[in-house]
Amino acid sequence: MDRVLILHNTFGCPDDPLYQSRAGVMDQVGAVEQSLNKLGTDYQIVPVENLKHLTALLTSRPERLLFNLAEEFTGSADACYAPAICDAFGKSCTGNDTPALLLALNKMHAKAILSQAGLPCPQGMVCQPNRPIDLSRLPAGRYILKPACSDASEGITADSVVELAADLPKALKYISGLHTQFNQPVIVEQFIPARELNVSVIEMNGTPTVMPLAEIDFSAFEPAMHKIVDYAAKWHPDSFGFNNTPRKIPADLPQQTAKRVRSLAVAAWDALGCRDYARVDFRLDETLNPYILEINPNPDISPDAGFAAAIAAAGIAYERFVEMMLDNAQKRLSLRNIK
């Protein structure tokens, strides 16, 4: 295999309130580095500050095969353009390409595409910054409030779930706070209360292959607590959520439900044009009807994340996963050279 360039974004300083999620990229870098050492593959690790820096690197460096772990540049979506720029420079990177990354990052657009494809998504609406907010057209019930263009549970807290009829002032205040903090639209989405699944998919021999289904175990939550994985549950080791949301792999589901979820995961992959690897998040209602929350191209692949647990449950060694993704990128490079 050719020499590999591992690309990752820089991530600010510890006083950033979202530092934990942004700095988590280094756990992924370390895991890929360890895998390449086991595979005997030569590599170089390079941090990337922005697109201008990326183009300079691609101009000056000889490597044509890149493991792309660039998630964001200074809080912007610019990192989504990294695959297209690599392609323009005659190089090939692992993971999803620019259209899929951009579509998935904008959850409003992604949900529109999934719904248009006939896939089940929770109902809701979008609240734009600096615009009047009218939630009156939404049916009564519980809703979750979250930024429309953020990942890693950023902006989601224990207060994100509200009962509109009883908590309208609270909901409006929370939406306003998200607008101020993230400067992006906010999704007000029907809250599906019962169960949550994370479904990892990888491209093997050109075919999307679903890994064992994983379920978040909320059994330690009191009845009055909302069963969600908020920012603290993902990134604050001293929080209740972090210590009480273990995953169960495989999920204990009826065969027909599991089959339906697997089929929907592949359909979501196809609808957004994914490649290499992705994770599809679901909620199940009380009668086990699945709803797609979102699809995450290039999800967190750090060793303690759900994706790594899913491939391990499938009997795939981590270094084998890294090798497969690089093989995919190498094949794309070879096909482009033939053309």
Protein backbone atom coordinates (compact mmCIF):
# COMPACT_ATOMS: atom_id res chain seq x y z
CA MET A 1 0.00 0.00 0.00
CA ASP A 2 1.12 3.55 -0.74
CA ARG A 3 2.36 5.85 2.03
CA VAL A 4 -0.65 7.33 3.87
CA LEU A 5 -1.23 10.89 5.03
CA ILE A 6 -3.48 11.09 8.10
CA LEU A 7 -5.32 14.42 8.02
CA HIS A 8 -7.02 15.89 11.07
CA ASN A 9 -8.37 19.30 11.97
CA THR A 10 -7.10 21.53 14.76
CA PHE A 11 -9.59 22.10 17.57
CA GLY A 12 -9.07 25.25 19.60
CA CYS A 13 -8.30 25.58 23.31
CA PRO A 14 -9.65 24.01 26.52
CA ASP A 15 -11.77 27.04 27.46
CA ASP A 16 -14.02 26.34 24.45
CA PRO A 17 -17.29 24.91 25.92
CA LEU A 18 -17.30 22.32 23.12
CA TYR A 19 -13.61 21.46 23.48
CA GLN A 20 -14.23 17.84 24.51
CA SER A 21 -16.12 16.90 21.36
CA ARG A 22 -13.71 18.76 19.09
CA ALA A 23 -10.53 17.44 20.70
CA GLY A 24 -11.91 13.91 20.49
CA VAL A 25 -10.54 13.70 16.95
CA MET A 26 -7.11 12.94 18.43
CA ASP A 27 -8.39 9.64 19.85
CA GLN A 28 -9.31 8.69 16.29
CA VAL A 29 -5.91 9.77 15.00
CA GLY A 30 -4.19 7.62 17.60
CA ALA A 31 -6.28 4.58 16.72
CA VAL A 32 -5.60 4.90 12.99
CA GLU A 33 -1.89 5.45 13.70
CA GLN A 34 -1.74 2.31 15.84
CA SER A 35 -3.51 0.34 13.11
CA LEU A 36 -1.09 1.48 10.41
CA ASN A 37 1.81 0.45 12.63
CA LYS A 38 0.29 -3.02 12.94
CA LEU A 39 -0.24 -3.16 9.17
CA GLY A 40 3.33 -2.10 8.50
CA THR A 41 2.14 0.87 6.45
CA ASP A 42 4.21 4.03 6.26
CA TYR A 43 2.34 7.20 7.22
CA GLN A 44 2.58 10.82 8.29
CA ILE A 45 0.17 12.72 10.57
CA VAL A 46 -0.63 16.29 9.55
CA PRO A 47 -3.00 18.76 11.28
CA VAL A 48 -4.97 21.00 8.94
CA GLU A 49 -6.09 24.50 9.95
CA ASN A 50 -8.33 25.49 7.03
CA LEU A 51 -8.90 24.94 3.32
CA LYS A 52 -6.07 27.26 2.32
CA HIS A 53 -3.71 25.24 4.49
CA LEU A 54 -5.08 22.02 2.99
CA THR A 55 -4.43 23.13 -0.58
CA ALA A 56 -0.87 24.10 0.36
CA LEU A 57 -0.30 20.66 1.89
CA LEU A 58 -1.73 18.82 -1.10
CA THR A 59 0.48 20.87 -3.41
CA SER A 60 3.67 20.20 -1.47
CA ARG A 61 3.25 16.61 -0.28
CA PRO A 62 3.71 13.52 -2.48
CA GLU A 63 1.20 11.21 -0.76
CA ARG A 64 -1.82 10.37 -2.87
CA LEU A 65 -3.68 8.28 -0.27
CA LEU A 66 -5.19 10.11 2.69
CA PHE A 67 -7.04 8.96 5.80
CA ASN A 68 -9.44 11.84 6.31
CA LEU A 69 -10.22 12.73 9.93
CA ALA A 70 -10.81 16.43 9.33
CA GLU A 71 -14.19 17.11 10.95
CA GLU A 72 -14.42 20.90 11.01
CA PHE A 73 -12.28 24.01 10.57
CA THR A 74 -12.76 26.74 13.20
CA GLY A 75 -16.38 25.80 13.75
CA SER A 76 -17.35 25.95 10.07
CA ALA A 77 -18.52 23.37 7.56
CA ASP A 78 -15.46 23.95 5.37
CA ALA A 79 -13.96 20.57 6.28
CA CYS A 80 -16.76 18.94 4.30
CA TYR A 81 -15.01 20.21 1.16
CA ALA A 82 -11.77 18.38 1.95
CA PRO A 83 -12.64 15.22 -0.09
CA ALA A 84 -13.52 17.27 -3.19
CA ILE A 85 -10.29 19.25 -2.90
CA CYS A 86 -8.26 16.08 -2.45
CA ASP A 87 -9.91 14.67 -5.55
CA ALA A 88 -9.14 17.85 -7.50
CA PHE A 89 -5.47 17.43 -6.61
CA GLY A 90 -5.45 13.86 -7.96
CA LYS A 91 -5.48 12.28 -4.50
CA SER A 92 -7.94 9.96 -2.78
CA CYS A 93 -9.19 10.05 0.81
CA THR A 94 -11.08 7.64 3.00
CA GLY A 95 -14.62 8.23 4.14
CA ASN A 96 -17.51 10.01 2.56
CA ASP A 97 -17.26 12.55 -0.22
CA THR A 98 -18.24 16.19 -0.08
CA PRO A 99 -21.92 15.97 -1.17
CA ALA A 100 -22.78 13.34 1.46
CA LEU A 101 -20.94 15.23 4.21
CA LEU A 102 -22.69 18.50 3.38
CA LEU A 103 -26.12 16.89 3.14
CA ALA A 104 -25.78 15.06 6.45
CA LEU A 105 -24.37 18.08 8.28
CA ASN A 106 -27.49 20.08 7.41
CA LYS A 107 -30.06 17.94 9.21
CA MET A 108 -32.93 19.87 7.63
CA HIS A 109 -31.82 18.93 4.12
CA ALA A 110 -30.97 15.38 5.14
CA LYS A 111 -34.40 14.80 6.67
CA ALA A 112 -36.07 16.23 3.58
CA ILE A 113 -34.14 13.79 1.38
CA LEU A 114 -34.88 10.83 3.66
CA SER A 115 -38.57 11.71 3.84
CA GLN A 116 -38.75 12.16 0.07
CA ALA A 117 -37.28 8.67 -0.25
CA GLY A 118 -40.18 7.36 1.83
CA LEU A 119 -38.12 6.71 4.95
CA PRO A 120 -39.69 7.33 8.39
CA CYS A 121 -38.43 10.42 10.23
CA PRO A 122 -39.89 12.26 13.24
CA GLN A 123 -42.09 15.19 12.33
CA GLY A 124 -41.17 18.75 13.25
CA MET A 125 -40.22 22.20 12.04
CA VAL A 126 -37.23 24.51 11.72
CA CYS A 127 -36.80 27.81 13.55
CA GLN A 128 -34.49 30.29 11.81
CA PRO A 129 -32.39 32.81 13.77
CA ASN A 130 -33.76 36.36 13.95
CA ARG A 131 -37.17 35.25 12.66
CA PRO A 132 -40.52 35.07 14.49
CA ILE A 133 -41.08 31.64 16.05
CA ASP A 134 -44.56 30.15 15.78
CA LEU A 135 -44.88 26.68 17.26
CA SER A 136 -48.67 26.71 17.25
CA ARG A 137 -48.98 24.57 14.11
CA LEU A 138 -47.22 21.63 15.77
CA PRO A 139 -49.43 18.93 17.31
CA ALA A 140 -49.40 18.66 21.09
CA GLY A 141 -46.75 16.41 22.56
CA ARG A 142 -43.11 16.24 23.52
CA TYR A 143 -40.42 17.65 21.25
CA ILE A 144 -36.63 17.76 21.30
CA LEU A 145 -34.86 21.02 20.46
CA LYS A 146 -31.44 20.83 18.80
CA PRO A 147 -29.11 22.74 16.47
CA ALA A 148 -29.72 21.90 12.82
CA CYS A 149 -26.07 21.77 11.73
CA SER A 150 -24.06 20.37 14.65
CA ASP A 151 -22.83 16.90 15.58
CA ALA A 152 -21.70 15.03 18.71
CA SER A 153 -24.84 16.03 20.67
CA GLU A 154 -23.65 19.64 20.73
CA GLY A 155 -26.43 21.85 22.07
CA ILE A 156 -28.41 18.93 23.53
CA THR A 157 -28.95 18.91 27.31
CA ALA A 158 -31.40 17.44 29.79
CA ASP A 159 -33.59 20.50 29.09
CA SER A 160 -33.78 19.86 25.35
CA VAL A 161 -36.98 17.81 25.61
CA VAL A 162 -40.10 19.91 26.25
CA GLU A 163 -43.85 19.50 26.34
CA LEU A 164 -44.97 22.33 24.12
CA ALA A 165 -48.41 22.75 25.63
CA ALA A 166 -47.00 23.13 29.14
CA ASP A 167 -43.51 24.51 28.46
CA LEU A 168 -43.93 26.95 25.57
CA PRO A 169 -42.06 29.84 27.27
CA LYS A 170 -39.26 27.42 28.21
CA ALA A 171 -39.11 26.10 24.65
CA LEU A 172 -38.91 29.59 23.15
CA LYS A 173 -36.16 30.59 25.59
CA TYR A 174 -34.19 27.42 24.83
CA ILE A 175 -34.48 27.93 21.08
CA SER A 176 -33.29 31.52 21.46
CA GLY A 177 -30.32 30.32 23.48
CA LEU A 178 -29.34 27.81 20.80
CA HIS A 179 -29.63 30.52 18.14
CA THR A 180 -27.27 32.72 20.16
CA GLN A 181 -24.75 29.98 20.95
CA PHE A 182 -24.58 28.26 17.56
CA ASN A 183 -25.79 30.93 15.13
CA GLN A 184 -27.74 28.37 13.11
CA PRO A 185 -31.32 27.14 12.70
CA VAL A 186 -32.90 25.00 15.42
CA ILE A 187 -34.92 21.86 14.75
CA VAL A 188 -38.04 21.30 16.85
CA GLU A 189 -38.62 17.58 16.39
CA GLN A 190 -41.18 15.09 17.64
CA PHE A 191 -39.62 13.19 20.55
CA ILE A 192 -39.77 9.42 20.05
CA PRO A 193 -39.70 8.19 23.65
CA ALA A 194 -38.97 4.49 23.90
CA ARG A 195 -35.60 3.15 22.62
CA GLU A 196 -32.50 4.36 20.76
CA LEU A 197 -30.38 2.41 18.28
CA ASN A 198 -27.03 3.17 16.63
CA VAL A 199 -26.53 1.28 13.38
CA SER A 200 -23.04 1.22 11.87
CA VAL A 201 -22.60 0.52 8.16
CA ILE A 202 -19.35 -0.07 6.28
CA GLU A 203 -18.65 -0.54 2.59
CA MET A 204 -17.23 -4.01 1.99
CA ASN A 205 -16.41 -5.06 -1.56
CA GLY A 206 -18.49 -2.19 -2.87
CA THR A 207 -21.59 -3.09 -0.82
CA PRO A 208 -22.93 -1.36 2.32
CA THR A 209 -22.86 -3.94 5.10
CA VAL A 210 -24.75 -3.43 8.36
CA MET A 211 -22.87 -4.24 11.57
CA PRO A 212 -24.58 -5.75 14.64
CA LEU A 213 -27.25 -3.34 15.90
CA ALA A 214 -26.42 -1.43 19.07
CA GLU A 215 -28.93 -0.12 21.61
CA ILE A 216 -28.41 2.52 24.28
CA ASP A 217 -29.38 1.09 27.67
CA PHE A 218 -31.41 3.67 29.62
CA SER A 219 -32.50 1.26 32.36
CA ALA A 220 -30.75 3.32 35.08
CA PHE A 221 -32.80 6.42 34.23
CA GLU A 222 -35.65 7.36 36.57
CA PRO A 223 -39.13 7.50 34.94
CA ALA A 224 -39.13 11.31 35.05
CA MET A 225 -35.80 11.53 33.19
CA HIS A 226 -35.72 11.93 29.42
CA LYS A 227 -33.95 8.98 27.84
CA ILE A 228 -31.50 10.80 25.59
CA VAL A 229 -27.76 10.87 25.04
CA ASP A 230 -27.02 14.54 25.57
CA TYR A 231 -23.68 16.36 25.34
CA ALA A 232 -22.75 15.55 28.93
CA ALA A 233 -23.50 11.85 28.40
CA LYS A 234 -21.05 11.78 25.51
CA TRP A 235 -18.27 14.01 26.80
CA HIS A 236 -18.40 14.60 30.59
CA PRO A 237 -17.00 11.56 32.45
CA ASP A 238 -18.39 12.75 35.79
CA SER A 239 -21.99 13.08 34.54
CA PHE A 240 -24.86 10.69 35.26
CA GLY A 241 -25.51 10.15 31.56
CA PHE A 242 -21.89 9.30 30.76
CA ASN A 243 -21.88 6.58 33.42
CA ASN A 244 -25.38 5.22 32.81
CA THR A 245 -25.81 4.90 29.04
CA PRO A 246 -23.99 1.67 28.18
CA ARG A 247 -24.57 0.11 24.80
CA LYS A 248 -25.93 -3.39 24.21
CA ILE A 249 -24.60 -5.21 21.14
CA PRO A 250 -26.45 -6.90 19.63
CA ALA A 251 -29.65 -5.10 20.55
CA ASP A 252 -32.38 -7.32 21.94
CA LEU A 253 -35.00 -6.87 19.23
CA PRO A 254 -37.60 -9.07 17.54
CA GLN A 255 -36.27 -10.49 14.30
CA GLN A 256 -38.69 -8.53 12.13
CA THR A 257 -37.85 -5.24 13.85
CA ALA A 258 -34.11 -5.84 13.44
CA LYS A 259 -34.61 -6.73 9.78
CA ARG A 260 -36.61 -3.54 9.22
CA VAL A 261 -33.97 -1.39 10.92
CA ARG A 262 -31.19 -2.94 8.85
CA SER A 263 -33.13 -2.31 5.63
CA LEU A 264 -33.78 1.32 6.59
CA ALA A 265 -30.13 1.88 7.45
CA VAL A 266 -29.03 0.78 3.97
CA ALA A 267 -31.82 2.84 2.38
CA ALA A 268 -30.64 5.93 4.30
CA TRP A 269 -27.06 5.23 3.18
CA ASP A 270 -28.22 5.08 -0.43
CA ALA A 271 -30.44 8.16 -0.16
CA LEU A 272 -27.55 10.38 0.98
CA GLY A 273 -24.98 8.75 -1.31
CA CYS A 274 -22.68 7.47 1.43
CA ARG A 275 -19.49 5.50 0.95
CA ASP A 276 -16.90 3.75 3.15
CA TYR A 277 -18.52 4.12 6.59
CA ALA A 278 -21.45 5.78 8.32
CA ARG A 279 -23.74 5.45 11.33
CA VAL A 280 -27.53 5.74 11.24
CA ASP A 281 -29.27 6.68 14.49
CA PHE A 282 -32.82 5.48 15.20
CA ARG A 283 -35.48 5.83 17.86
CA LEU A 284 -38.18 3.21 18.34
CA ASP A 285 -41.62 4.09 19.66
CA GLU A 286 -43.56 2.02 22.17
CA THR A 287 -44.74 -0.38 19.44
CA LEU A 288 -41.21 -0.74 17.97
CA ASN A 289 -41.82 1.41 14.90
CA PRO A 290 -38.40 2.77 13.84
CA TYR A 291 -37.73 6.44 13.03
CA ILE A 292 -34.47 7.72 11.55
CA LEU A 293 -33.03 10.54 13.66
CA GLU A 294 -30.01 11.24 11.47
CA ILE A 295 -27.24 9.71 9.41
CA ASN A 296 -23.63 10.39 10.29
CA PRO A 297 -21.08 9.96 7.47
CA ASN A 298 -17.56 9.66 8.91
CA PRO A 299 -18.80 9.07 12.48
CA ASP A 300 -16.50 8.99 15.49
CA ILE A 301 -14.20 5.96 15.09
CA SER A 302 -12.27 6.34 18.35
CA PRO A 303 -11.74 3.02 20.16
CA ASP A 304 -14.32 3.69 22.88
CA ALA A 305 -17.04 4.93 20.49
CA GLY A 306 -20.02 2.93 19.32
CA PHE A 307 -18.74 2.44 15.79
CA ALA A 308 -15.60 0.64 16.98
CA ALA A 309 -17.74 -1.49 19.29
CA ALA A 310 -20.01 -2.44 16.39
CA ILE A 311 -17.22 -3.59 14.08
CA ALA A 312 -15.67 -5.52 16.98
CA ALA A 313 -19.03 -7.24 17.55
CA ALA A 314 -18.96 -8.20 13.86
CA GLY A 315 -15.57 -9.85 14.38
CA ILE A 316 -13.67 -7.20 12.40
CA ALA A 317 -10.35 -6.13 13.94
CA TYR A 318 -9.90 -2.37 14.06
CA GLU A 319 -6.78 -2.49 11.88
CA ARG A 320 -8.72 -4.55 9.33
CA PHE A 321 -11.36 -1.81 9.19
CA VAL A 322 -8.63 0.80 8.59
CA GLU A 323 -7.13 -1.40 5.89
CA MET A 324 -10.51 -1.83 4.16
CA MET A 325 -11.14 1.91 4.09
CA LEU A 326 -7.71 2.56 2.60
CA ASP A 327 -8.29 -0.21 0.06
CA ASN A 328 -11.55 1.50 -0.94
CA ALA A 329 -9.73 4.82 -1.38
CA GLN A 330 -6.94 3.11 -3.33
CA LYS A 331 -9.50 1.52 -5.68
CA ARG A 332 -11.13 4.90 -6.32
CA LEU A 333 -7.73 6.33 -7.13
CA SER A 334 -6.96 3.46 -9.51
CA LEU A 335 -10.32 3.82 -11.29
CA ARG A 336 -9.75 7.55 -11.74
CA ASN A 337 -6.33 6.88 -13.24
CA ILE A 338 -7.84 4.37 -15.70
CA LYS A 339 -10.38 6.94 -16.84
